[in-house]
Protein backbone atom coordinates (compact mmCIF):
# COMPACT_ATOMS: atom_id res chain seq x y z
CA UNK A 1 123.54 110.33 109.14
CA UNK A 2 121.54 108.02 106.91
CA UNK A 3 120.86 110.77 104.37
CA UNK A 4 124.62 111.41 104.02
CA UNK A 5 125.17 107.72 103.26
CA UNK A 6 122.38 107.77 100.66
CA UNK A 7 123.80 110.94 99.05
CA UNK A 8 127.27 109.39 98.84
CA UNK A 9 125.84 106.20 97.37
CA UNK A 10 123.85 108.12 94.74
CA UNK A 11 126.89 110.25 93.89
CA UNK A 12 129.03 107.13 93.51
CA UNK A 13 126.40 105.50 91.29
CA UNK A 14 126.28 108.57 89.06
CA UNK A 15 130.08 108.60 88.76
CA UNK A 16 130.17 104.89 87.89
CA UNK A 17 127.41 105.35 85.29
CA UNK A 18 129.21 108.30 83.69
CA UNK A 19 132.44 106.31 83.56
CA UNK A 20 130.66 103.38 81.90
CA UNK A 21 129.04 105.70 79.35
CA UNK A 22 132.44 107.20 78.52
CA UNK A 23 133.92 103.73 78.05
CA UNK A 24 131.10 102.71 75.70
CA UNK A 25 131.49 105.90 73.65
CA UNK A 26 135.25 105.37 73.48
CA UNK A 27 134.76 101.78 72.30
CA UNK A 28 132.51 103.05 69.51
CA UNK A 29 134.64 106.03 68.42
CA UNK A 30 138.25 104.84 68.77
CA UNK A 31 138.05 102.24 65.94
CA UNK A 32 136.93 105.00 63.57
CA UNK A 33 140.20 106.85 64.19
CA UNK A 34 142.47 103.80 64.29
CA UNK A 35 141.23 102.30 60.99
CA UNK A 36 140.57 105.41 58.91
CA UNK A 37 140.55 103.81 55.46
CA UNK A 38 139.05 100.50 56.53
CA UNK A 39 135.89 99.18 54.95
CA UNK A 40 133.33 98.23 57.56
CA UNK A 41 131.47 95.44 55.78
CA UNK A 42 129.01 93.03 57.26
CA UNK A 43 129.30 89.31 57.77
CA UNK A 44 126.83 88.64 54.95
CA UNK A 45 129.27 89.79 52.28
CA UNK A 46 132.11 87.75 53.75
CA UNK A 47 129.92 84.66 53.96
CA UNK A 48 128.86 85.06 50.33
CA UNK A 49 132.49 85.36 49.24
CA UNK A 50 133.47 82.26 51.23
CA UNK A 51 130.61 80.21 49.79
CA UNK A 52 131.43 81.15 46.18
CA UNK A 53 135.09 80.38 46.85
CA UNK A 54 134.30 76.92 48.25
CA UNK A 55 131.47 75.96 45.90
CA UNK A 56 131.18 78.24 42.88
CA UNK A 57 128.13 76.34 41.54
CA UNK A 58 126.11 76.96 44.71
CA UNK A 59 122.58 78.32 44.13
CA UNK A 60 120.75 80.04 47.01
CA UNK A 61 117.63 78.24 48.25
CA UNK A 62 115.45 81.34 48.11
CA UNK A 63 115.51 85.02 47.26
CA UNK A 64 114.62 87.90 49.60
CA UNK A 65 110.95 88.89 49.86
CA UNK A 66 111.86 92.59 49.84
CA UNK A 67 115.15 94.01 48.60
CA UNK A 68 115.72 97.64 49.71
CA UNK A 69 116.63 100.16 47.03
CA UNK A 70 119.94 101.12 48.70
CA UNK A 71 122.30 100.14 51.47
CA UNK A 72 121.18 103.12 53.54
CA UNK A 73 117.57 101.93 53.55
CA UNK A 74 118.74 98.44 54.47
CA UNK A 75 120.75 99.89 57.39
CA UNK A 76 117.74 101.96 58.47
CA UNK A 77 115.47 98.92 58.49
CA UNK A 78 118.06 96.91 60.43
CA UNK A 79 118.44 99.70 63.02
CA UNK A 80 114.65 100.01 63.30
CA UNK A 81 114.34 96.28 63.86
CA UNK A 82 117.05 96.41 66.54
CA UNK A 83 115.38 99.38 68.27
CA UNK A 84 111.97 97.69 68.32
CA UNK A 85 113.52 94.51 69.73
CA UNK A 86 115.43 96.46 72.39
CA UNK A 87 112.23 98.31 73.32
CA UNK A 88 110.30 95.08 73.74
CA UNK A 89 113.04 93.50 75.84
CA UNK A 90 113.41 96.68 77.94
CA UNK A 91 109.66 96.86 78.50
CA UNK A 92 109.57 93.20 79.57
CA UNK A 93 112.46 93.60 82.00
CA UNK A 94 110.92 96.75 83.47
CA UNK A 95 107.53 95.10 83.78
CA UNK A 96 108.86 92.08 85.64
CA UNK A 97 111.07 94.21 87.89
CA UNK A 98 108.10 96.45 88.75
CA UNK A 99 105.90 93.44 89.41
CA UNK A 100 108.51 91.96 91.74
CA UNK A 101 108.87 95.30 93.55
CA UNK A 102 105.09 95.44 94.00
CA UNK A 103 105.04 91.95 95.46
CA UNK A 104 107.78 92.88 97.94
CA UNK A 105 105.76 95.92 99.07
CA UNK A 106 102.67 93.76 99.61
CA UNK A 107 104.64 91.39 101.83
CA UNK A 108 106.17 94.17 103.91
C-alpha cells in the first residue's frame, strides 16, 4: 500500500516538474516569435542614452579594465560569469541541505 502511494507521489512530482520546464521554455521562446524584428538590447545602452540626453557634458568616472573585441565575446563572458555564480550558489545550497539531512539522520 505504501509503495503505491510513493509511486503516485513520484509520478505526480515528475509531471509537475515537466509542466514547469515546459512553462519556462515557453516563456523563453514565445517572445522571439511575438517580437520578430525587435532589437533585444541591454539596460546599459538605454542608461547611456538617458544620461547623454539629460547631461550631454557628462564624463564617465572610469573606463573598463578589459573591453572585449566583440559583443559575442562580451555575451560569452557574461554567461560564463552567470554560470559560475549559479554553480557556487547551487553547491552551497546542496551542501547545507546535505548537512541538515545528515544531522537529522544522527538524531533519529
